[in-house]
Amino acid sequence: METLVQTNNLTKQYGQHKAVNNVNLSVRKGEIYGLIGRNGAGKTTILRLISGLAKPTNGSISLFGQNSRDSIYMQKHIGLLIETPGIYLDMSARDNVKLKCMAIGISNNSYIAELLKNVGLSAVDKKKVKCFSVGMKQRLGIALALVGNPELVILDEPTNGLDPQGIAEIREIIVQLNTEKNITFIISSHILGELSKIATCYGIIEKGELKRQFLKTELTEDLEEYFLSLTGGAAHA
């Protein structure tokens, strides 16, 4: 299976603190890769490094078999939703997506409609985003991440702050996009119960280090129990 992301001794240091320490992570095409760790473990920093939003102190990152960090190349191949969605609250969902499409040279109205359909926002496409629920804003954020038909989509804690229905909706969207469009996902979370429902493989991060990465099929016990045994601490189920 083709490897889309490979990091080699990836390190990010702030002063004396190593937020990411010699991480060798591998993500293959078609996977839903669950990056697990407590808050502050280094998950977001790793995602920012992979997506080009931060530069490593040491180590290297290979994307799609090459080391290109060109911004246009990244826009075409990687979709991002890191931290909060970059949306304009006084604009409609459709206009937010249209603006992102224009930025990369896409002016197809049916394409915009398809993106909103993929995330379940067709019925409210003309509604101003400031009237959206948190879950609807997250779905719009995913639609924006899908602009340009990326092969890889990176989501940082996509279900934070959502109610159970919103969490289920985001989960269904991710699985559908992975299954029907063969989009590869890297998803960070400290909520293990949710990741265990969709991830096909995992990487466990503790204090900036990758403790282990493994396929879901290799897991012989409950994910939370395994996480606790490996890191000796608490995580949210």
C-alpha atoms as a PDB file:
ATOM      1  CA  MET A   1       0.000   0.000   0.000  1.00  0.00           C
ATOM      2  CA  GLU A   2       1.285   3.459  -0.976  1.00  0.00           C
ATOM      3  CA  THR A   3       2.725   5.603   1.827  1.00  0.00           C
ATOM      4  CA  LEU A   4       1.387   9.183   1.760  1.00  0.00           C
ATOM      5  CA  VAL A   5       3.136  10.549   4.855  1.00  0.00           C
ATOM      6  CA  GLN A   6       6.468   9.506   6.328  1.00  0.00           C
ATOM      7  CA  THR A   7       8.296  11.427   9.040  1.00  0.00           C
ATOM      8  CA  ASN A   8      11.906  10.733   9.918  1.00  0.00           C
ATOM      9  CA  ASN A   9      13.132  11.743  13.392  1.00  0.00           C
ATOM     10  CA  LEU A  10      10.698  14.649  13.287  1.00  0.00           C
ATOM     11  CA  THR A  11      11.477  17.101  16.089  1.00  0.00           C
ATOM     12  CA  LYS A  12      10.069  20.485  17.099  1.00  0.00           C
ATOM     13  CA  GLN A  13      11.713  22.318  19.969  1.00  0.00           C
ATOM     14  CA  TYR A  14      10.619  25.530  21.694  1.00  0.00           C
ATOM     15  CA  GLY A  15      13.477  26.733  23.879  1.00  0.00           C
ATOM     16  CA  GLN A  16      14.394  23.770  26.065  1.00  0.00           C
ATOM     17  CA  HIS A  17      11.049  22.027  25.505  1.00  0.00           C
ATOM     18  CA  LYS A  18      10.728  19.355  22.814  1.00  0.00           C
ATOM     19  CA  ALA A  19       7.063  19.432  21.803  1.00  0.00           C
ATOM     20  CA  VAL A  20       7.803  16.684  19.252  1.00  0.00           C
ATOM     21  CA  ASN A  21      10.750  14.371  19.795  1.00  0.00           C
ATOM     22  CA  ASN A  22      12.187  12.120  17.038  1.00  0.00           C
ATOM     23  CA  VAL A  23       8.831  10.968  15.691  1.00  0.00           C
ATOM     24  CA  ASN A  24       8.832   8.350  12.906  1.00  0.00           C
ATOM     25  CA  LEU A  25       5.251   8.193  11.725  1.00  0.00           C
ATOM     26  CA  SER A  26       3.858   6.490   8.626  1.00  0.00           C
ATOM     27  CA  VAL A  27       0.427   6.933   7.044  1.00  0.00           C
ATOM     28  CA  ARG A  28      -0.667   4.815   4.114  1.00  0.00           C
ATOM     29  CA  LYS A  29      -3.169   5.651   1.384  1.00  0.00           C
ATOM     30  CA  GLY A  30      -6.786   4.914   2.307  1.00  0.00           C
ATOM     31  CA  GLU A  31      -6.223   4.817   6.059  1.00  0.00           C
ATOM     32  CA  ILE A  32      -8.033   6.678   8.809  1.00  0.00           C
ATOM     33  CA  TYR A  33      -5.065   7.293  11.079  1.00  0.00           C
ATOM     34  CA  GLY A  34      -5.987   8.070  14.673  1.00  0.00           C
ATOM     35  CA  LEU A  35      -3.343  10.160  16.455  1.00  0.00           C
ATOM     36  CA  ILE A  36      -3.985   9.602  20.170  1.00  0.00           C
ATOM     37  CA  GLY A  37      -2.691  11.484  23.155  1.00  0.00           C
ATOM     38  CA  ARG A  38      -3.652  13.656  26.087  1.00  0.00           C
ATOM     39  CA  ASN A  39      -4.048  17.401  25.719  1.00  0.00           C
ATOM     40  CA  GLY A  40      -0.554  18.829  25.360  1.00  0.00           C
ATOM     41  CA  ALA A  41       1.006  15.552  24.222  1.00  0.00           C
ATOM     42  CA  GLY A  42       2.163  17.044  20.908  1.00  0.00           C
ATOM     43  CA  LYS A  43      -0.622  15.971  18.550  1.00  0.00           C
ATOM     44  CA  THR A  44      -1.430  19.411  17.153  1.00  0.00           C
ATOM     45  CA  THR A  45       2.248  20.258  16.717  1.00  0.00           C
ATOM     46  CA  ILE A  46       2.770  17.096  14.663  1.00  0.00           C
ATOM     47  CA  LEU A  47      -0.207  17.963  12.456  1.00  0.00           C
ATOM     48  CA  ARG A  48       1.044  21.515  11.985  1.00  0.00           C
ATOM     49  CA  LEU A  49       4.457  20.188  10.968  1.00  0.00           C
ATOM     50  CA  ILE A  50       2.992  17.724   8.465  1.00  0.00           C
ATOM     51  CA  SER A  51       0.704  20.368   6.970  1.00  0.00           C
ATOM     52  CA  GLY A  52       3.457  22.964   6.602  1.00  0.00           C
ATOM     53  CA  LEU A  53       2.091  25.392   9.197  1.00  0.00           C
ATOM     54  CA  ALA A  54       5.261  24.971  11.274  1.00  0.00           C
ATOM     55  CA  LYS A  55       8.867  24.130  10.442  1.00  0.00           C
ATOM     56  CA  PRO A  56      10.648  21.242  12.153  1.00  0.00           C
ATOM     57  CA  THR A  57      13.692  21.889  14.303  1.00  0.00           C
ATOM     58  CA  ASN A  58      15.171  18.602  13.091  1.00  0.00           C
ATOM     59  CA  GLY A  59      14.133  15.663  10.967  1.00  0.00           C
ATOM     60  CA  SER A  60      12.229  15.475   7.693  1.00  0.00           C
ATOM     61  CA  ILE A  61       8.778  14.859   6.259  1.00  0.00           C
ATOM     62  CA  SER A  62       8.006  13.046   3.016  1.00  0.00           C
ATOM     63  CA  LEU A  63       4.584  13.688   1.462  1.00  0.00           C
ATOM     64  CA  PHE A  64       3.309  11.594  -1.437  1.00  0.00           C
ATOM     65  CA  GLY A  65       6.804  10.276  -1.971  1.00  0.00           C
ATOM     66  CA  GLN A  66       8.533  13.652  -2.158  1.00  0.00           C
ATOM     67  CA  ASN A  67       9.855  16.337   0.170  1.00  0.00           C
ATOM     68  CA  SER A  68       8.107  19.283  -1.471  1.00  0.00           C
ATOM     69  CA  ARG A  69       6.912  22.034   0.900  1.00  0.00           C
ATOM     70  CA  ASP A  70       5.584  24.243  -1.913  1.00  0.00           C
ATOM     71  CA  SER A  71       2.383  25.959  -0.736  1.00  0.00           C
ATOM     72  CA  ILE A  72       0.484  25.425  -3.992  1.00  0.00           C
ATOM     73  CA  TYR A  73       1.457  21.755  -3.982  1.00  0.00           C
ATOM     74  CA  MET A  74       0.206  21.453  -0.392  1.00  0.00           C
ATOM     75  CA  GLN A  75      -3.114  23.153  -1.227  1.00  0.00           C
ATOM     76  CA  LYS A  76      -3.768  20.686  -4.018  1.00  0.00           C
ATOM     77  CA  HIS A  77      -2.987  17.565  -2.018  1.00  0.00           C
ATOM     78  CA  ILE A  78      -3.780  18.249   1.636  1.00  0.00           C
ATOM     79  CA  GLY A  79      -6.971  19.538   3.273  1.00  0.00           C
ATOM     80  CA  LEU A  80      -6.768  20.989   6.777  1.00  0.00           C
ATOM     81  CA  LEU A  81      -9.001  21.610   9.746  1.00  0.00           C
ATOM     82  CA  ILE A  82      -6.646  22.461  12.588  1.00  0.00           C
ATOM     83  CA  GLU A  83      -7.998  24.171  15.690  1.00  0.00           C
ATOM     84  CA  THR A  84     -11.044  26.316  14.701  1.00  0.00           C
ATOM     85  CA  PRO A  85     -12.459  26.469  11.148  1.00  0.00           C
ATOM     86  CA  GLY A  86     -11.347  29.540   9.175  1.00  0.00           C
ATOM     87  CA  ILE A  87     -14.801  30.789   8.258  1.00  0.00           C
ATOM     88  CA  TYR A  88     -16.506  34.154   7.792  1.00  0.00           C
ATOM     89  CA  LEU A  89     -19.497  34.334  10.136  1.00  0.00           C
ATOM     90  CA  ASP A  90     -21.371  37.047   8.208  1.00  0.00           C
ATOM     91  CA  MET A  91     -21.221  35.058   4.975  1.00  0.00           C
ATOM     92  CA  SER A  92     -23.311  32.061   3.962  1.00  0.00           C
ATOM     93  CA  ALA A  93     -21.951  28.526   3.864  1.00  0.00           C
ATOM     94  CA  ARG A  94     -22.035  28.622   0.067  1.00  0.00           C
ATOM     95  CA  ASP A  95     -20.131  31.909  -0.098  1.00  0.00           C
ATOM     96  CA  ASN A  96     -17.486  30.627   2.334  1.00  0.00           C
ATOM     97  CA  VAL A  97     -16.857  27.620   0.118  1.00  0.00           C
ATOM     98  CA  LYS A  98     -17.008  29.747  -3.040  1.00  0.00           C
ATOM     99  CA  LEU A  99     -14.343  32.084  -1.648  1.00  0.00           C
ATOM    100  CA  LYS A 100     -12.014  29.160  -0.894  1.00  0.00           C
ATOM    101  CA  CYS A 101     -12.638  27.735  -4.372  1.00  0.00           C
ATOM    102  CA  MET A 102     -11.837  31.077  -6.012  1.00  0.00           C
ATOM    103  CA  ALA A 103      -8.557  31.230  -4.087  1.00  0.00           C
ATOM    104  CA  ILE A 104      -7.319  28.119  -5.879  1.00  0.00           C
ATOM    105  CA  GLY A 105      -8.919  28.826  -9.262  1.00  0.00           C
ATOM    106  CA  ILE A 106     -12.172  26.849  -9.079  1.00  0.00           C
ATOM    107  CA  SER A 107     -15.353  28.591 -10.302  1.00  0.00           C
ATOM    108  CA  ASN A 108     -17.780  25.697 -10.720  1.00  0.00           C
ATOM    109  CA  ASN A 109     -21.114  26.185  -8.904  1.00  0.00           C
ATOM    110  CA  SER A 110     -22.036  22.508  -9.149  1.00  0.00           C
ATOM    111  CA  TYR A 111     -18.704  21.644  -7.519  1.00  0.00           C
ATOM    112  CA  ILE A 112     -19.517  23.957  -4.598  1.00  0.00           C
ATOM    113  CA  ALA A 113     -22.955  22.378  -4.267  1.00  0.00           C
ATOM    114  CA  GLU A 114     -21.403  18.902  -4.229  1.00  0.00           C
ATOM    115  CA  LEU A 115     -19.010  19.834  -1.431  1.00  0.00           C
ATOM    116  CA  LEU A 116     -21.863  21.144   0.715  1.00  0.00           C
ATOM    117  CA  LYS A 117     -23.882  18.018  -0.055  1.00  0.00           C
ATOM    118  CA  ASN A 118     -20.985  15.821   1.060  1.00  0.00           C
ATOM    119  CA  VAL A 119     -21.105  17.383   4.541  1.00  0.00           C
ATOM    120  CA  GLY A 120     -24.886  17.606   4.817  1.00  0.00           C
ATOM    121  CA  LEU A 121     -25.244  21.395   4.470  1.00  0.00           C
ATOM    122  CA  SER A 122     -27.203  21.636   1.202  1.00  0.00           C
ATOM    123  CA  ALA A 123     -30.412  22.646   2.951  1.00  0.00           C
ATOM    124  CA  VAL A 124     -28.753  25.574   4.751  1.00  0.00           C
ATOM    125  CA  ASP A 125     -26.250  26.652   2.107  1.00  0.00           C
ATOM    126  CA  LYS A 126     -27.590  30.223   1.996  1.00  0.00           C
ATOM    127  CA  LYS A 127     -27.811  30.653   5.760  1.00  0.00           C
ATOM    128  CA  LYS A 128     -25.287  32.917   7.461  1.00  0.00           C
ATOM    129  CA  VAL A 129     -22.688  30.931   9.343  1.00  0.00           C
ATOM    130  CA  LYS A 130     -23.132  33.013  12.517  1.00  0.00           C
ATOM    131  CA  CYS A 131     -26.500  31.250  12.881  1.00  0.00           C
ATOM    132  CA  PHE A 132     -24.915  27.791  12.640  1.00  0.00           C
ATOM    133  CA  SER A 133     -24.512  25.365  15.524  1.00  0.00           C
ATOM    134  CA  VAL A 134     -21.003  24.271  16.519  1.00  0.00           C
ATOM    135  CA  GLY A 135     -21.513  20.995  14.654  1.00  0.00           C
ATOM    136  CA  MET A 136     -22.622  22.774  11.485  1.00  0.00           C
ATOM    137  CA  LYS A 137     -19.543  25.005  11.639  1.00  0.00           C
ATOM    138  CA  GLN A 138     -17.357  21.912  11.948  1.00  0.00           C
ATOM    139  CA  ARG A 139     -19.047  20.375   8.917  1.00  0.00           C
ATOM    140  CA  LEU A 140     -18.437  23.583   6.973  1.00  0.00           C
ATOM    141  CA  GLY A 141     -14.811  23.433   8.085  1.00  0.00           C
ATOM    142  CA  ILE A 142     -14.563  19.940   6.619  1.00  0.00           C
ATOM    143  CA  ALA A 143     -16.149  21.171   3.359  1.00  0.00           C
ATOM    144  CA  LEU A 144     -13.483  23.869   3.162  1.00  0.00           C
ATOM    145  CA  ALA A 145     -10.800  21.250   3.802  1.00  0.00           C
ATOM    146  CA  LEU A 146     -12.160  19.258   0.842  1.00  0.00           C
ATOM    147  CA  VAL A 147     -11.799  22.109  -1.652  1.00  0.00           C
ATOM    148  CA  GLY A 148      -9.409  21.030  -4.394  1.00  0.00           C
ATOM    149  CA  ASN A 149     -10.091  17.300  -3.935  1.00  0.00           C
ATOM    150  CA  PRO A 150      -7.178  16.575  -1.568  1.00  0.00           C
ATOM    151  CA  GLU A 151      -5.901  13.031  -1.208  1.00  0.00           C
ATOM    152  CA  LEU A 152      -5.158  13.613   2.472  1.00  0.00           C
ATOM    153  CA  VAL A 153      -7.314  15.456   5.021  1.00  0.00           C
ATOM    154  CA  ILE A 154      -5.935  16.401   8.448  1.00  0.00           C
ATOM    155  CA  LEU A 155      -8.431  17.006  11.259  1.00  0.00           C
ATOM    156  CA  ASP A 156      -7.385  18.211  14.707  1.00  0.00           C
ATOM    157  CA  GLU A 157      -9.907  17.266  17.431  1.00  0.00           C
ATOM    158  CA  PRO A 158     -12.863  17.568  14.993  1.00  0.00           C
ATOM    159  CA  THR A 159     -15.508  16.563  17.571  1.00  0.00           C
ATOM    160  CA  ASN A 160     -14.439  18.874  20.406  1.00  0.00           C
ATOM    161  CA  GLY A 161     -17.392  20.736  21.883  1.00  0.00           C
ATOM    162  CA  LEU A 162     -20.012  18.770  19.958  1.00  0.00           C
ATOM    163  CA  ASP A 163     -23.078  17.069  21.385  1.00  0.00           C
ATOM    164  CA  PRO A 164     -23.601  13.324  20.743  1.00  0.00           C
ATOM    165  CA  GLN A 165     -25.601  13.958  17.567  1.00  0.00           C
ATOM    166  CA  GLY A 166     -22.948  16.309  16.203  1.00  0.00           C
ATOM    167  CA  ILE A 167     -20.211  13.788  16.987  1.00  0.00           C
ATOM    168  CA  ALA A 168     -22.126  11.046  15.167  1.00  0.00           C
ATOM    169  CA  GLU A 169     -22.634  13.293  12.132  1.00  0.00           C
ATOM    170  CA  ILE A 170     -18.922  14.133  11.847  1.00  0.00           C
ATOM    171  CA  ARG A 171     -18.056  10.458  12.269  1.00  0.00           C
ATOM    172  CA  GLU A 172     -20.433   9.442   9.461  1.00  0.00           C
ATOM    173  CA  ILE A 173     -19.046  12.113   7.122  1.00  0.00           C
ATOM    174  CA  ILE A 174     -15.459  10.949   7.669  1.00  0.00           C
ATOM    175  CA  VAL A 175     -16.297   7.290   7.069  1.00  0.00           C
ATOM    176  CA  GLN A 176     -18.320   8.107   3.962  1.00  0.00           C
ATOM    177  CA  LEU A 177     -15.575  10.255   2.444  1.00  0.00           C
ATOM    178  CA  ASN A 178     -12.979   7.600   3.226  1.00  0.00           C
ATOM    179  CA  THR A 179     -15.083   4.774   1.782  1.00  0.00           C
ATOM    180  CA  GLU A 180     -16.602   6.464  -1.257  1.00  0.00           C
ATOM    181  CA  LYS A 181     -13.833   8.883  -2.266  1.00  0.00           C
ATOM    182  CA  ASN A 182     -10.806   7.006  -0.870  1.00  0.00           C
ATOM    183  CA  ILE A 183      -9.676  10.082   1.067  1.00  0.00           C
ATOM    184  CA  THR A 184      -6.972   9.367   3.629  1.00  0.00           C
ATOM    185  CA  PHE A 185      -7.483  10.972   7.045  1.00  0.00           C
ATOM    186  CA  ILE A 186      -5.215  11.821   9.944  1.00  0.00           C
ATOM    187  CA  ILE A 187      -7.376  12.628  12.955  1.00  0.00           C
ATOM    188  CA  SER A 188      -6.048  13.698  16.327  1.00  0.00           C
ATOM    189  CA  SER A 189      -8.119  13.130  19.450  1.00  0.00           C
ATOM    190  CA  HIS A 190      -7.974  12.403  23.148  1.00  0.00           C
ATOM    191  CA  ILE A 191     -11.504  10.913  23.000  1.00  0.00           C
ATOM    192  CA  LEU A 192     -10.617   7.276  22.449  1.00  0.00           C
ATOM    193  CA  GLY A 193     -14.156   5.939  22.277  1.00  0.00           C
ATOM    194  CA  GLU A 194     -14.866   7.968  19.154  1.00  0.00           C
ATOM    195  CA  LEU A 195     -11.613   7.180  17.373  1.00  0.00           C
ATOM    196  CA  SER A 196     -12.052   3.483  18.056  1.00  0.00           C
ATOM    197  CA  LYS A 197     -15.248   3.552  15.951  1.00  0.00           C
ATOM    198  CA  ILE A 198     -13.637   4.835  12.763  1.00  0.00           C
ATOM    199  CA  ALA A 199      -9.832   4.614  12.795  1.00  0.00           C
ATOM    200  CA  THR A 200      -8.113   1.810  10.870  1.00  0.00           C
ATOM    201  CA  CYS A 201      -4.750   2.412  12.533  1.00  0.00           C
ATOM    202  CA  TYR A 202      -3.363   4.384  15.461  1.00  0.00           C
ATOM    203  CA  GLY A 203      -0.350   6.276  16.690  1.00  0.00           C
ATOM    204  CA  ILE A 204      -0.010   6.934  20.417  1.00  0.00           C
ATOM    205  CA  ILE A 205       1.750  10.175  21.389  1.00  0.00           C
ATOM    206  CA  GLU A 206       3.047  10.820  24.905  1.00  0.00           C
ATOM    207  CA  LYS A 207       5.167  13.856  25.846  1.00  0.00           C
ATOM    208  CA  GLY A 208       6.061  14.456  22.225  1.00  0.00           C
ATOM    209  CA  GLU A 209       7.175  10.894  21.521  1.00  0.00           C
ATOM    210  CA  LEU A 210       5.484   8.297  19.342  1.00  0.00           C
ATOM    211  CA  LYS A 211       5.126   5.361  21.723  1.00  0.00           C
ATOM    212  CA  ARG A 212       3.700   2.991  19.157  1.00  0.00           C
ATOM    213  CA  GLN A 213       1.758   2.877  15.897  1.00  0.00           C
ATOM    214  CA  PHE A 214      -0.332  -0.130  14.945  1.00  0.00           C
ATOM    215  CA  LEU A 215      -3.259  -1.356  12.874  1.00  0.00           C
ATOM    216  CA  LYS A 216      -6.680  -1.684  14.455  1.00  0.00           C
ATOM    217  CA  THR A 217      -6.579  -5.379  13.588  1.00  0.00           C
ATOM    218  CA  GLU A 218      -3.464  -5.755  15.770  1.00  0.00           C
ATOM    219  CA  LEU A 219      -5.248  -4.468  18.863  1.00  0.00           C
ATOM    220  CA  THR A 220      -6.135  -7.356  21.185  1.00  0.00           C
ATOM    221  CA  GLU A 221      -7.692  -5.315  23.995  1.00  0.00           C
ATOM    222  CA  ASP A 222      -9.828  -2.243  24.566  1.00  0.00           C
ATOM    223  CA  LEU A 223      -8.168   0.855  23.059  1.00  0.00           C
ATOM    224  CA  GLU A 224      -8.468   2.892  26.247  1.00  0.00           C
ATOM    225  CA  GLU A 225      -7.025   0.095  28.365  1.00  0.00           C
ATOM    226  CA  TYR A 226      -4.114  -0.282  25.971  1.00  0.00           C
ATOM    227  CA  PHE A 227      -3.484   3.467  25.961  1.00  0.00           C
ATOM    228  CA  LEU A 228      -3.427   3.537  29.755  1.00  0.00           C
ATOM    229  CA  SER A 229      -1.101   0.551  29.967  1.00  0.00           C
ATOM    230  CA  LEU A 230       1.303   2.150  27.512  1.00  0.00           C
ATOM    231  CA  THR A 231       1.282   5.681  28.949  1.00  0.00           C
ATOM    232  CA  GLY A 232       0.312   5.133  32.572  1.00  0.00           C
ATOM    233  CA  GLY A 233      -2.241   7.937  32.647  1.00  0.00           C
ATOM    234  CA  ALA A 234      -5.814   8.944  32.048  1.00  0.00           C
ATOM    235  CA  ALA A 235      -7.639   9.667  28.828  1.00  0.00           C
ATOM    236  CA  HIS A 236     -11.246  10.345  27.936  1.00  0.00           C
ATOM    237  CA  ALA A 237     -13.293   7.374  26.849  1.00  0.00           C
END
